Amino acid sequence: MNLSIVIPAHNEEQFIETCIKSILEQCTHFKINPEVIVVLNRCTDRTGEIATRSGAKLISDDSRNLAKIRNAGINLINMVTGTFLNYLQPDKKLSRTVLPEKICLLLTNISMISIIKDTLIEEG
């Protein structure tokens, strides 16, 4: 199973490494192939450098609109292999229960859309 996670980031050097590590650890534990995409938004710090070193792909977007920033990450995913798409804020860690809960819900109800923004679930 593949999972693409988009992280919008504006000067998040303090948090980005912990965020990415939590994703990679949980994906490894549950045998999920992760793809982490960090959308740099007008960063003036080392967020991009740290994200790259941590294994993320980078894209830049200077919008002042969170939806547009997230969509920049989605546009990159259109060229890659993510089976599931999720969002995560850069100052959050992926908890140990989020992936199995969300994937279980998705697999039992294929019409459900899972968006991880903290632990938000939306039905569609």
N, C-alpha and C. Protein backbone atom coordinates (compact mmCIF):
# COMPACT_ATOMS: atom_id res chain seq x y z
N MET A 1 0.84 -1.18 0.00
CA MET A 1 0.00 0.00 0.00
C MET A 1 0.89 1.24 0.00
N ASN A 2 0.49 2.24 -0.76
CA ASN A 2 1.24 3.50 -0.84
C ASN A 2 0.45 4.62 -0.16
N LEU A 3 1.18 5.53 0.43
CA LEU A 3 0.58 6.67 1.10
C LEU A 3 1.38 7.92 0.79
N SER A 4 0.71 8.94 0.29
CA SER A 4 1.34 10.24 0.06
C SER A 4 0.82 11.21 1.11
N ILE A 5 1.73 11.89 1.78
CA ILE A 5 1.35 12.86 2.81
C ILE A 5 1.92 14.21 2.42
N VAL A 6 1.03 15.21 2.35
CA VAL A 6 1.41 16.57 2.01
C VAL A 6 1.49 17.38 3.30
N ILE A 7 2.62 18.06 3.47
CA ILE A 7 2.84 18.90 4.65
C ILE A 7 3.08 20.33 4.18
N PRO A 8 2.12 21.24 4.41
CA PRO A 8 2.38 22.64 4.10
C PRO A 8 3.29 23.23 5.18
N ALA A 9 4.31 23.98 4.78
CA ALA A 9 5.28 24.44 5.78
C ALA A 9 5.72 25.88 5.53
N HIS A 10 5.66 26.68 6.58
CA HIS A 10 6.18 28.05 6.56
C HIS A 10 7.10 28.21 7.76
N ASN A 11 8.40 28.22 7.50
CA ASN A 11 9.40 28.37 8.57
C ASN A 11 9.16 27.40 9.73
N GLU A 12 9.24 26.12 9.41
CA GLU A 12 8.95 25.07 10.37
C GLU A 12 10.18 24.25 10.75
N GLU A 13 11.38 24.85 10.66
CA GLU A 13 12.60 24.08 10.94
C GLU A 13 12.60 23.46 12.33
N GLN A 14 11.88 24.04 13.26
CA GLN A 14 11.83 23.52 14.62
C GLN A 14 11.05 22.21 14.71
N PHE A 15 10.09 21.98 13.80
CA PHE A 15 9.18 20.85 13.91
C PHE A 15 9.28 19.82 12.78
N ILE A 16 9.75 20.21 11.62
CA ILE A 16 9.59 19.39 10.41
C ILE A 16 10.27 18.02 10.51
N GLU A 17 11.43 17.96 11.12
CA GLU A 17 12.13 16.67 11.21
C GLU A 17 11.34 15.67 12.07
N THR A 18 10.83 16.11 13.20
CA THR A 18 10.04 15.23 14.07
C THR A 18 8.78 14.77 13.36
N CYS A 19 8.14 15.67 12.63
CA CYS A 19 6.93 15.35 11.88
C CYS A 19 7.22 14.27 10.84
N ILE A 20 8.24 14.46 10.03
CA ILE A 20 8.58 13.50 8.97
C ILE A 20 9.00 12.17 9.57
N LYS A 21 9.80 12.20 10.62
CA LYS A 21 10.22 10.95 11.26
C LYS A 21 9.03 10.16 11.78
N SER A 22 8.03 10.85 12.34
CA SER A 22 6.85 10.14 12.86
C SER A 22 6.10 9.45 11.72
N ILE A 23 6.04 10.08 10.56
CA ILE A 23 5.38 9.48 9.40
C ILE A 23 6.15 8.24 8.95
N LEU A 24 7.46 8.38 8.78
CA LEU A 24 8.27 7.27 8.30
C LEU A 24 8.26 6.09 9.26
N GLU A 25 8.31 6.37 10.56
CA GLU A 25 8.28 5.30 11.55
C GLU A 25 6.97 4.53 11.50
N GLN A 26 5.86 5.25 11.45
CA GLN A 26 4.56 4.58 11.41
C GLN A 26 4.36 3.81 10.11
N CYS A 27 4.80 4.37 9.00
CA CYS A 27 4.67 3.68 7.72
C CYS A 27 5.52 2.42 7.70
N THR A 28 6.71 2.48 8.25
CA THR A 28 7.58 1.30 8.32
C THR A 28 6.93 0.22 9.18
N HIS A 29 6.40 0.63 10.32
CA HIS A 29 5.76 -0.31 11.25
C HIS A 29 4.60 -1.04 10.59
N PHE A 30 3.81 -0.34 9.78
CA PHE A 30 2.63 -0.93 9.16
C PHE A 30 2.87 -1.36 7.71
N LYS A 31 4.13 -1.40 7.29
CA LYS A 31 4.52 -1.84 5.94
C LYS A 31 3.80 -1.06 4.84
N ILE A 32 3.82 0.25 4.98
CA ILE A 32 3.23 1.18 4.01
C ILE A 32 4.37 1.91 3.34
N ASN A 33 4.29 2.07 2.03
CA ASN A 33 5.30 2.82 1.28
C ASN A 33 4.95 4.31 1.34
N PRO A 34 5.72 5.10 2.10
CA PRO A 34 5.37 6.51 2.25
C PRO A 34 6.00 7.39 1.18
N GLU A 35 5.32 8.45 0.89
CA GLU A 35 5.86 9.52 0.08
C GLU A 35 5.51 10.81 0.82
N VAL A 36 6.50 11.51 1.30
CA VAL A 36 6.28 12.74 2.06
C VAL A 36 6.64 13.91 1.16
N ILE A 37 5.67 14.82 0.99
CA ILE A 37 5.87 16.00 0.16
C ILE A 37 5.70 17.23 1.05
N VAL A 38 6.74 18.02 1.16
CA VAL A 38 6.68 19.26 1.94
C VAL A 38 6.54 20.41 0.95
N VAL A 39 5.48 21.20 1.14
CA VAL A 39 5.25 22.37 0.30
C VAL A 39 5.80 23.58 1.06
N LEU A 40 6.93 24.08 0.60
CA LEU A 40 7.56 25.23 1.23
C LEU A 40 6.80 26.49 0.86
N ASN A 41 6.37 27.22 1.88
CA ASN A 41 5.61 28.44 1.65
C ASN A 41 6.36 29.63 2.22
N ARG A 42 7.05 30.34 1.35
CA ARG A 42 7.78 31.56 1.71
C ARG A 42 8.73 31.32 2.89
N CYS A 43 9.40 30.18 2.92
CA CYS A 43 10.32 29.86 4.02
C CYS A 43 11.60 30.68 3.91
N THR A 44 12.04 31.17 5.05
CA THR A 44 13.31 31.89 5.13
C THR A 44 14.28 31.20 6.08
N ASP A 45 13.90 30.02 6.54
CA ASP A 45 14.75 29.28 7.46
C ASP A 45 15.25 28.00 6.77
N ARG A 46 15.62 27.00 7.52
CA ARG A 46 16.20 25.77 6.97
C ARG A 46 15.19 24.65 6.83
N THR A 47 13.90 24.97 6.75
CA THR A 47 12.87 23.94 6.64
C THR A 47 13.14 23.00 5.46
N GLY A 48 13.43 23.55 4.29
CA GLY A 48 13.66 22.74 3.10
C GLY A 48 14.85 21.82 3.24
N GLU A 49 15.93 22.34 3.77
CA GLU A 49 17.15 21.55 3.97
C GLU A 49 16.89 20.38 4.92
N ILE A 50 16.21 20.66 6.01
CA ILE A 50 15.91 19.62 7.00
C ILE A 50 14.94 18.59 6.42
N ALA A 51 13.93 19.05 5.71
CA ALA A 51 12.95 18.14 5.11
C ALA A 51 13.61 17.21 4.09
N THR A 52 14.48 17.75 3.26
CA THR A 52 15.19 16.93 2.27
C THR A 52 16.07 15.90 2.96
N ARG A 53 16.80 16.33 3.95
CA ARG A 53 17.66 15.42 4.71
C ARG A 53 16.85 14.32 5.39
N SER A 54 15.61 14.63 5.73
CA SER A 54 14.74 13.67 6.41
C SER A 54 14.01 12.74 5.43
N GLY A 55 14.20 12.97 4.14
CA GLY A 55 13.62 12.06 3.14
C GLY A 55 12.40 12.56 2.40
N ALA A 56 12.06 13.82 2.56
CA ALA A 56 10.88 14.37 1.90
C ALA A 56 11.21 14.93 0.51
N LYS A 57 10.19 14.99 -0.33
CA LYS A 57 10.29 15.70 -1.60
C LYS A 57 9.83 17.12 -1.34
N LEU A 58 10.37 18.07 -2.08
CA LEU A 58 10.03 19.48 -1.87
C LEU A 58 9.37 20.08 -3.10
N ILE A 59 8.48 21.02 -2.83
CA ILE A 59 7.92 21.87 -3.85
C ILE A 59 7.69 23.22 -3.17
N SER A 60 7.77 24.29 -3.93
CA SER A 60 7.56 25.63 -3.36
C SER A 60 6.27 26.23 -3.88
N ASP A 61 5.60 26.97 -3.03
CA ASP A 61 4.40 27.70 -3.41
C ASP A 61 4.33 28.93 -2.52
N ASP A 62 4.26 30.12 -3.12
CA ASP A 62 4.27 31.37 -2.36
C ASP A 62 2.87 31.92 -2.08
N SER A 63 1.84 31.12 -2.29
CA SER A 63 0.47 31.57 -2.04
C SER A 63 0.28 31.93 -0.57
N ARG A 64 -0.73 32.71 -0.33
CA ARG A 64 -1.10 33.05 1.05
C ARG A 64 -2.45 32.40 1.38
N ASN A 65 -2.67 31.25 0.76
CA ASN A 65 -3.93 30.54 0.91
C ASN A 65 -3.61 29.06 1.16
N LEU A 66 -4.01 28.53 2.31
CA LEU A 66 -3.65 27.16 2.68
C LEU A 66 -4.16 26.14 1.66
N ALA A 67 -5.35 26.33 1.13
CA ALA A 67 -5.87 25.39 0.14
C ALA A 67 -4.99 25.35 -1.11
N LYS A 68 -4.55 26.50 -1.57
CA LYS A 68 -3.66 26.54 -2.74
C LYS A 68 -2.32 25.89 -2.45
N ILE A 69 -1.83 26.10 -1.25
CA ILE A 69 -0.55 25.51 -0.86
C ILE A 69 -0.67 23.99 -0.83
N ARG A 70 -1.73 23.48 -0.24
CA ARG A 70 -1.95 22.03 -0.22
C ARG A 70 -2.12 21.49 -1.64
N ASN A 71 -2.87 22.21 -2.47
CA ASN A 71 -3.08 21.76 -3.84
C ASN A 71 -1.78 21.67 -4.62
N ALA A 72 -0.82 22.52 -4.31
CA ALA A 72 0.49 22.42 -4.97
C ALA A 72 1.10 21.05 -4.69
N GLY A 73 0.94 20.56 -3.47
CA GLY A 73 1.41 19.22 -3.13
C GLY A 73 0.63 18.14 -3.86
N ILE A 74 -0.68 18.32 -3.96
CA ILE A 74 -1.52 17.36 -4.68
C ILE A 74 -1.12 17.29 -6.14
N ASN A 75 -0.81 18.43 -6.74
CA ASN A 75 -0.40 18.44 -8.14
C ASN A 75 0.87 17.62 -8.35
N LEU A 76 1.76 17.61 -7.38
CA LEU A 76 2.96 16.78 -7.48
C LEU A 76 2.60 15.31 -7.36
N ILE A 77 1.64 15.00 -6.51
CA ILE A 77 1.22 13.61 -6.32
C ILE A 77 0.63 13.03 -7.60
N ASN A 78 0.01 13.86 -8.41
CA ASN A 78 -0.54 13.36 -9.67
C ASN A 78 0.53 12.69 -10.52
N MET A 79 1.79 13.01 -10.29
CA MET A 79 2.90 12.43 -11.06
C MET A 79 3.55 11.27 -10.32
N VAL A 80 3.06 10.90 -9.15
CA VAL A 80 3.69 9.86 -8.36
C VAL A 80 2.68 8.76 -8.03
N THR A 81 3.03 7.88 -7.10
CA THR A 81 2.28 6.65 -6.94
C THR A 81 1.46 6.54 -5.66
N GLY A 82 1.08 7.61 -5.03
CA GLY A 82 0.31 7.51 -3.79
C GLY A 82 -1.05 6.87 -4.01
N THR A 83 -1.36 5.84 -3.23
CA THR A 83 -2.67 5.22 -3.27
C THR A 83 -3.64 6.04 -2.43
N PHE A 84 -3.17 6.48 -1.27
CA PHE A 84 -3.97 7.31 -0.38
C PHE A 84 -3.25 8.63 -0.17
N LEU A 85 -4.05 9.67 -0.01
CA LEU A 85 -3.52 11.02 0.19
C LEU A 85 -3.94 11.51 1.56
N ASN A 86 -3.02 12.09 2.28
CA ASN A 86 -3.30 12.66 3.59
C ASN A 86 -2.53 13.96 3.76
N TYR A 87 -3.04 14.79 4.67
CA TYR A 87 -2.36 16.03 5.04
C TYR A 87 -1.93 15.92 6.49
N LEU A 88 -0.87 16.60 6.82
CA LEU A 88 -0.44 16.69 8.21
C LEU A 88 0.22 18.04 8.42
N GLN A 89 -0.14 18.70 9.49
CA GLN A 89 0.50 19.97 9.81
C GLN A 89 1.91 19.70 10.32
N PRO A 90 2.87 20.58 10.00
CA PRO A 90 4.27 20.31 10.33
C PRO A 90 4.59 20.29 11.82
N ASP A 91 3.73 20.85 12.64
CA ASP A 91 3.99 20.84 14.08
C ASP A 91 3.29 19.68 14.78
N LYS A 92 2.81 18.70 14.01
CA LYS A 92 2.14 17.53 14.56
C LYS A 92 2.98 16.28 14.31
N LYS A 93 2.78 15.28 15.16
CA LYS A 93 3.39 13.97 14.96
C LYS A 93 2.26 13.00 14.61
N LEU A 94 2.56 12.07 13.74
CA LEU A 94 1.58 11.05 13.39
C LEU A 94 1.51 10.05 14.53
N SER A 95 0.37 9.96 15.19
CA SER A 95 0.24 9.05 16.33
C SER A 95 0.23 7.60 15.87
N ARG A 96 0.47 6.72 16.79
CA ARG A 96 0.57 5.29 16.47
C ARG A 96 -0.75 4.69 16.00
N THR A 97 -1.87 5.32 16.31
CA THR A 97 -3.17 4.75 15.95
C THR A 97 -3.78 5.32 14.68
N VAL A 98 -3.29 6.44 14.20
CA VAL A 98 -3.93 7.11 13.07
C VAL A 98 -3.94 6.26 11.81
N LEU A 99 -2.79 5.75 11.38
CA LEU A 99 -2.74 5.00 10.13
C LEU A 99 -3.62 3.75 10.14
N PRO A 100 -3.52 2.89 11.14
CA PRO A 100 -4.38 1.70 11.08
C PRO A 100 -5.87 2.04 11.14
N GLU A 101 -6.23 3.04 11.92
CA GLU A 101 -7.65 3.43 12.00
C GLU A 101 -8.15 3.95 10.67
N LYS A 102 -7.41 4.86 10.06
CA LYS A 102 -7.85 5.47 8.81
C LYS A 102 -7.86 4.46 7.66
N ILE A 103 -6.84 3.63 7.59
CA ILE A 103 -6.77 2.65 6.50
C ILE A 103 -7.88 1.61 6.66
N CYS A 104 -8.14 1.19 7.87
CA CYS A 104 -9.23 0.25 8.11
C CYS A 104 -10.56 0.85 7.66
N LEU A 105 -10.80 2.11 8.01
CA LEU A 105 -12.03 2.78 7.58
C LEU A 105 -12.10 2.88 6.06
N LEU A 106 -11.00 3.23 5.44
CA LEU A 106 -10.99 3.33 3.98
C LEU A 106 -11.26 2.00 3.30
N LEU A 107 -10.65 0.95 3.81
CA LEU A 107 -10.81 -0.36 3.18
C LEU A 107 -12.19 -0.95 3.41
N THR A 108 -12.86 -0.55 4.49
CA THR A 108 -14.20 -1.07 4.75
C THR A 108 -15.28 -0.21 4.12
N ASN A 109 -14.95 1.02 3.73
CA ASN A 109 -15.91 1.90 3.08
C ASN A 109 -15.16 2.71 2.05
N ILE A 110 -15.04 2.19 0.85
CA ILE A 110 -14.20 2.78 -0.18
C ILE A 110 -14.66 4.19 -0.58
N SER A 111 -15.90 4.57 -0.29
CA SER A 111 -16.36 5.91 -0.64
C SER A 111 -15.90 6.96 0.35
N MET A 112 -15.26 6.53 1.43
CA MET A 112 -14.81 7.48 2.45
C MET A 112 -13.50 8.13 2.02
N ILE A 113 -13.37 9.40 2.31
CA ILE A 113 -12.14 10.12 2.04
C ILE A 113 -11.46 10.39 3.37
N SER A 114 -10.21 9.98 3.48
CA SER A 114 -9.48 10.19 4.72
C SER A 114 -8.52 11.33 4.56
N ILE A 115 -8.66 12.33 5.38
CA ILE A 115 -7.73 13.45 5.40
C ILE A 115 -7.18 13.55 6.81
N ILE A 116 -5.89 13.32 6.92
CA ILE A 116 -5.28 13.43 8.24
C ILE A 116 -4.84 14.88 8.41
N LYS A 117 -5.60 15.59 9.19
CA LYS A 117 -5.21 16.93 9.61
C LYS A 117 -5.48 16.86 11.11
N ASP A 118 -4.47 16.52 11.83
CA ASP A 118 -4.57 16.03 13.18
C ASP A 118 -5.22 14.65 13.05
N THR A 119 -6.52 14.49 13.30
CA THR A 119 -7.17 13.19 13.12
C THR A 119 -8.54 13.35 12.48
N LEU A 120 -8.69 14.27 11.56
CA LEU A 120 -9.98 14.57 10.95
C LEU A 120 -10.37 13.50 9.94
N ILE A 121 -11.62 13.08 9.97
CA ILE A 121 -12.17 12.15 8.97
C ILE A 121 -13.38 12.84 8.35
N GLU A 122 -13.45 12.82 7.05
CA GLU A 122 -14.60 13.36 6.34
C GLU A 122 -15.19 12.27 5.46
N GLU A 123 -16.50 12.15 5.47
CA GLU A 123 -17.15 11.20 4.58
C GLU A 123 -17.60 11.92 3.34
N GLY A 124 -17.48 11.26 2.20
CA GLY A 124 -17.88 11.89 0.95
C GLY A 124 -18.73 10.99 0.12
